[in-house]
Amino acid sequence: SALPGHRPHRCLVLFAVHDTGIGIDDENIPHLFQSFYQGTSGYARSHQGAGLGLPICSQLIALMGGSMSVISESGHGSTFYFTVPFIDLAKNN
């Protein structure tokens, strides 16, 4: 049987990007995809940025019909996941 929301001749590809950096505190994760969010003041001071990278990525992925999420452990790194739907050209011919 087809998955909920599955459309014929399309596939959903899952990408995972993992880093072994400083990780992200649990209280910051819900805000990561908000524009200009930079985490706690200590984090923002040691890791400069405008707070736009993840929101832009998330919006671009959403425009393509996908979604983005993150699993992180402070001090151990993060894994960012995103899905993007693609047309299965082999089945369309």
Protein backbone atom coordinates (compact mmCIF):
# COMPACT_ATOMS: atom_id res chain seq x y z
CA SER A 1 0.00 0.00 0.00
CA ALA A 2 1.09 3.57 -0.62
CA LEU A 3 2.35 5.81 2.14
CA PRO A 4 0.03 8.60 3.32
CA GLY A 5 0.48 11.58 1.02
CA HIS A 6 2.37 9.44 -1.52
CA ARG A 7 1.87 10.49 -5.12
CA PRO A 8 2.40 8.16 -8.08
CA HIS A 9 5.68 8.57 -9.98
CA ARG A 10 7.29 10.54 -7.17
CA CYS A 11 9.82 9.61 -4.54
CA LEU A 12 10.83 11.34 -1.34
CA VAL A 13 14.60 11.55 -0.82
CA LEU A 14 16.01 11.95 2.69
CA PHE A 15 19.30 13.81 3.11
CA ALA A 16 21.30 13.85 6.36
CA VAL A 17 24.13 16.26 7.20
CA HIS A 18 26.09 15.45 10.36
CA ASP A 19 28.72 17.49 12.14
CA THR A 20 30.82 16.83 15.22
CA GLY A 21 30.72 20.43 16.45
CA ILE A 22 29.56 21.84 19.77
CA GLY A 23 25.96 20.72 19.35
CA ILE A 24 22.83 22.65 20.23
CA ASP A 25 21.12 22.92 23.61
CA ASP A 26 17.59 21.46 23.74
CA GLU A 27 16.02 24.84 24.57
CA ASN A 28 17.44 26.37 21.36
CA ILE A 29 16.26 23.69 18.91
CA PRO A 30 12.64 24.93 18.57
CA HIS A 31 13.94 28.36 17.52
CA LEU A 32 16.67 27.34 15.04
CA PHE A 33 14.58 27.96 11.94
CA GLN A 34 13.46 31.45 13.05
CA SER A 35 15.15 34.33 11.23
CA PHE A 36 17.89 36.10 13.19
CA TYR A 37 17.82 33.58 16.06
CA GLN A 38 21.34 33.04 17.41
CA GLY A 39 20.85 30.89 20.48
CA THR A 40 22.03 31.92 23.90
CA SER A 41 24.16 35.01 24.28
CA GLY A 42 27.25 32.89 25.03
CA TYR A 43 26.76 30.86 21.86
CA ALA A 44 26.19 33.96 19.74
CA ARG A 45 29.38 35.56 21.02
CA SER A 46 31.60 32.55 20.28
CA HIS A 47 29.97 31.65 16.94
CA GLN A 48 29.10 34.77 14.98
CA GLY A 49 26.41 34.71 12.34
CA ALA A 50 23.36 36.59 11.16
CA GLY A 51 20.95 33.82 12.13
CA LEU A 52 19.69 33.46 8.56
CA GLY A 53 21.32 30.28 7.21
CA LEU A 54 18.95 27.67 8.63
CA PRO A 55 15.78 29.74 8.09
CA ILE A 56 16.72 30.27 4.42
CA CYS A 57 17.49 26.56 3.96
CA SER A 58 14.23 25.58 5.63
CA GLN A 59 12.19 27.97 3.47
CA LEU A 60 13.84 26.79 0.23
CA ILE A 61 13.22 23.15 1.15
CA ALA A 62 9.57 23.97 2.00
CA LEU A 63 9.16 25.68 -1.39
CA MET A 64 10.28 22.42 -3.02
CA GLY A 65 7.67 20.51 -1.02
CA GLY A 66 10.06 19.09 1.57
CA SER A 67 10.76 19.52 5.25
CA MET A 68 13.75 19.97 7.55
CA SER A 69 14.54 18.83 11.10
CA VAL A 70 17.48 18.47 13.48
CA ILE A 71 18.68 16.12 16.19
CA SER A 72 21.46 17.49 18.35
CA GLU A 73 23.28 16.85 21.59
CA SER A 74 25.15 19.66 23.26
CA GLY A 75 28.88 18.90 23.13
CA HIS A 76 28.49 16.07 20.61
CA GLY A 77 27.34 17.61 17.32
CA SER A 78 24.17 17.77 15.26
CA THR A 79 22.47 15.94 12.42
CA PHE A 80 20.23 17.96 10.12
CA TYR A 81 17.72 16.03 8.03
CA PHE A 82 15.74 17.25 5.07
CA THR A 83 13.43 15.60 2.60
CA VAL A 84 12.72 16.70 -0.94
CA PRO A 85 10.25 15.09 -3.36
CA PHE A 86 11.51 14.13 -6.81
CA ILE A 87 9.75 12.89 -9.92
CA ASP A 88 10.70 9.32 -10.80
CA LEU A 89 11.58 9.82 -14.47
CA ALA A 90 11.97 6.08 -15.08
CA LYS A 91 8.29 5.57 -14.22
CA ASN A 92 7.15 8.59 -16.24
CA ASN A 93 8.51 7.33 -19.57
